[in-house]
């Protein structure tokens, strides 16, 4: 577990994360699925990875390298979020989708699944394991602009 020194009390306190920030993996390489979950839920990477590894199907794994749609859906449901299909607007690439939905995304959270990667989009910002923790504007994101879209999901909170 990551800790920092509290400047007021001088004691160690755990590092926290908040929704809209990508938390890096403290134990090594960050992968796109758990990183997307850190952005959407506000939980730390190590907590999410431990939760995913504690499932029966993942007992033989030592770390999470990739995620299927049903694994992502189950994890989001466990944290109190729902994942529903959003329209692709007839688009085939990430760039086409961002242009087609310009001005319509607003404050909605979207989970974008390309052929082999997960991205998170809110408004005009995008997050993945290759971006800074605060995310980057879509116009400045160099990666995955030409990536072929598999699915676009709208993420909503189902319980508080």
Protein backbone atom coordinates (compact mmCIF):
# COMPACT_ATOMS: atom_id res chain seq x y z
CA UNK A 1 0.00 0.00 0.00
CA UNK A 2 1.28 3.46 -0.88
CA UNK A 3 1.59 5.99 1.92
CA UNK A 4 2.58 9.61 2.29
CA UNK A 5 3.69 11.64 5.27
CA UNK A 6 0.96 13.89 6.64
CA UNK A 7 2.50 17.37 6.99
CA UNK A 8 0.24 18.30 9.91
CA UNK A 9 0.46 15.22 12.15
CA UNK A 10 3.74 13.75 10.90
CA UNK A 11 2.13 10.30 10.56
CA UNK A 12 1.85 8.06 7.54
CA UNK A 13 -1.46 8.13 5.69
CA UNK A 14 -2.59 6.09 2.67
CA UNK A 15 -2.51 7.72 -0.74
CA UNK A 16 -6.04 8.38 -1.93
CA UNK A 17 -7.41 8.69 -5.41
CA UNK A 18 -10.46 10.51 -6.68
CA UNK A 19 -12.78 10.07 -9.62
CA UNK A 20 -11.32 11.54 -12.78
CA UNK A 21 -7.71 10.75 -11.94
CA UNK A 22 -5.78 7.72 -13.16
CA UNK A 23 -3.90 6.07 -10.32
CA UNK A 24 -0.68 4.31 -11.40
CA UNK A 25 0.15 0.76 -10.42
CA UNK A 26 2.52 0.96 -7.41
CA UNK A 27 3.84 -2.54 -8.18
CA UNK A 28 4.87 -2.10 -11.80
CA UNK A 29 3.17 -1.68 -15.16
CA UNK A 30 -0.33 -0.20 -15.33
CA UNK A 31 -2.79 -1.87 -17.69
CA UNK A 32 -5.74 -0.26 -19.44
CA UNK A 33 -8.64 -2.12 -17.76
CA UNK A 34 -7.74 -1.44 -14.12
CA UNK A 35 -6.61 2.10 -15.02
CA UNK A 36 -10.03 2.79 -16.56
CA UNK A 37 -11.62 1.52 -13.34
CA UNK A 38 -9.44 3.88 -11.25
CA UNK A 39 -10.62 6.84 -13.32
CA UNK A 40 -14.30 5.85 -13.22
CA UNK A 41 -14.54 4.80 -9.56
CA UNK A 42 -11.88 6.87 -7.81
CA UNK A 43 -10.28 3.81 -6.20
CA UNK A 44 -6.54 3.10 -6.12
CA UNK A 45 -4.99 0.72 -8.64
CA UNK A 46 -3.74 -1.74 -6.00
CA UNK A 47 -7.20 -1.99 -4.40
CA UNK A 48 -8.86 -2.64 -7.76
CA UNK A 49 -6.25 -5.20 -8.74
CA UNK A 50 -6.65 -7.05 -5.42
CA UNK A 51 -10.46 -7.07 -5.85
CA UNK A 52 -10.15 -8.46 -9.37
CA UNK A 53 -7.62 -11.09 -8.31
CA UNK A 54 -9.79 -12.25 -5.41
CA UNK A 55 -12.44 -13.58 -7.82
CA UNK A 56 -12.54 -17.39 -8.24
CA UNK A 57 -11.74 -17.22 -11.95
CA UNK A 58 -8.56 -15.21 -11.29
CA UNK A 59 -7.04 -17.35 -8.51
CA UNK A 60 -4.26 -18.57 -10.82
CA UNK A 61 -3.25 -15.05 -11.93
CA UNK A 62 -0.67 -12.89 -10.17
CA UNK A 63 -1.68 -9.61 -11.82
CA UNK A 64 -4.34 -8.30 -14.19
CA UNK A 65 -3.03 -7.79 -17.70
CA UNK A 66 -6.25 -7.57 -19.68
CA UNK A 67 -10.00 -7.57 -19.14
CA UNK A 68 -13.01 -8.85 -21.02
CA UNK A 69 -16.25 -6.87 -21.29
CA UNK A 70 -18.05 -9.09 -18.77
CA UNK A 71 -15.20 -8.66 -16.27
CA UNK A 72 -15.36 -4.87 -16.65
CA UNK A 73 -19.15 -4.93 -16.31
CA UNK A 74 -18.98 -7.08 -13.16
CA UNK A 75 -16.32 -4.87 -11.60
CA UNK A 76 -18.27 -1.68 -12.32
CA UNK A 77 -21.44 -3.23 -10.92
CA UNK A 78 -19.56 -4.23 -7.75
CA UNK A 79 -18.47 -0.58 -7.29
CA UNK A 80 -21.99 0.76 -7.90
CA UNK A 81 -21.90 1.75 -11.58
CA UNK A 82 -23.80 0.58 -14.63
CA UNK A 83 -22.44 0.18 -18.13
CA UNK A 84 -24.91 0.66 -21.00
CA UNK A 85 -24.27 0.70 -24.74
CA UNK A 86 -24.12 4.15 -26.31
CA UNK A 87 -24.51 4.82 -30.00
CA UNK A 88 -21.48 4.62 -32.25
CA UNK A 89 -23.14 7.21 -34.55
CA UNK A 90 -22.05 5.10 -37.52
CA UNK A 91 -18.40 5.81 -36.70
CA UNK A 92 -15.59 3.37 -37.18
CA UNK A 93 -12.67 5.14 -35.48
CA UNK A 94 -12.16 7.01 -32.21
CA UNK A 95 -11.52 10.29 -34.07
CA UNK A 96 -14.77 9.96 -36.05
CA UNK A 97 -16.70 9.28 -32.82
CA UNK A 98 -15.23 12.32 -31.05
CA UNK A 99 -16.15 14.55 -33.99
CA UNK A 100 -19.67 13.10 -34.24
CA UNK A 101 -20.36 13.57 -30.52
CA UNK A 102 -18.72 16.99 -30.14
CA UNK A 103 -20.90 19.17 -27.90
CA UNK A 104 -23.09 16.19 -26.87
CA UNK A 105 -20.80 14.41 -24.39
CA UNK A 106 -21.03 17.05 -21.65
CA UNK A 107 -20.57 15.61 -18.14
CA UNK A 108 -21.26 12.01 -19.12
CA UNK A 109 -18.61 9.36 -18.57
CA UNK A 110 -17.88 7.02 -21.49
CA UNK A 111 -15.88 3.83 -21.55
CA UNK A 112 -14.51 3.29 -25.06
CA UNK A 113 -13.39 -0.16 -26.10
CA UNK A 114 -11.15 -0.26 -29.14
CA UNK A 115 -9.95 -3.52 -30.63
CA UNK A 116 -7.54 -4.17 -27.74
CA UNK A 117 -7.72 -1.21 -25.35
CA UNK A 118 -9.98 0.67 -22.92
CA UNK A 119 -10.20 4.48 -22.86
CA UNK A 120 -12.29 6.73 -20.62
CA UNK A 121 -13.81 9.94 -22.00
CA UNK A 122 -15.61 12.75 -20.20
CA UNK A 123 -16.35 15.94 -22.08
CA UNK A 124 -13.21 16.76 -24.02
CA UNK A 125 -10.79 14.77 -21.86
CA UNK A 126 -9.46 11.27 -22.33
CA UNK A 127 -7.70 8.90 -19.90
CA UNK A 128 -5.85 5.63 -20.29
CA UNK A 129 -2.69 4.05 -18.91
CA UNK A 130 -0.51 6.14 -21.28
CA UNK A 131 -1.83 9.59 -20.27
CA UNK A 132 -0.97 11.71 -17.21
CA UNK A 133 -3.16 11.10 -14.16
CA UNK A 134 -5.25 14.22 -14.89
CA UNK A 135 -6.02 13.05 -18.42
CA UNK A 136 -5.40 15.00 -21.61
CA UNK A 137 -7.64 16.93 -23.99
CA UNK A 138 -8.83 14.77 -26.87
CA UNK A 139 -7.19 17.14 -29.36
CA UNK A 140 -3.76 16.63 -27.72
CA UNK A 141 -4.07 12.85 -27.44
CA UNK A 142 -1.82 11.29 -30.05
CA UNK A 143 -2.63 7.67 -29.32
CA UNK A 144 -5.66 5.73 -30.49
CA UNK A 145 -7.12 8.44 -32.77
CA UNK A 146 -7.24 5.95 -35.60
CA UNK A 147 -8.18 3.02 -33.41
CA UNK A 148 -11.18 1.04 -34.57
CA UNK A 149 -14.09 1.16 -32.12
CA UNK A 150 -15.59 -2.06 -30.82
CA UNK A 151 -17.99 -0.64 -28.23
CA UNK A 152 -18.91 2.63 -26.55
CA UNK A 153 -20.48 2.42 -23.09
CA UNK A 154 -22.08 5.16 -21.04
CA UNK A 155 -21.19 4.82 -17.35
CA UNK A 156 -23.72 5.88 -14.71
CA UNK A 157 -23.76 5.67 -10.92
CA UNK A 158 -26.50 3.30 -9.69
CA UNK A 159 -26.04 3.68 -5.94
CA UNK A 160 -24.49 6.20 -3.59
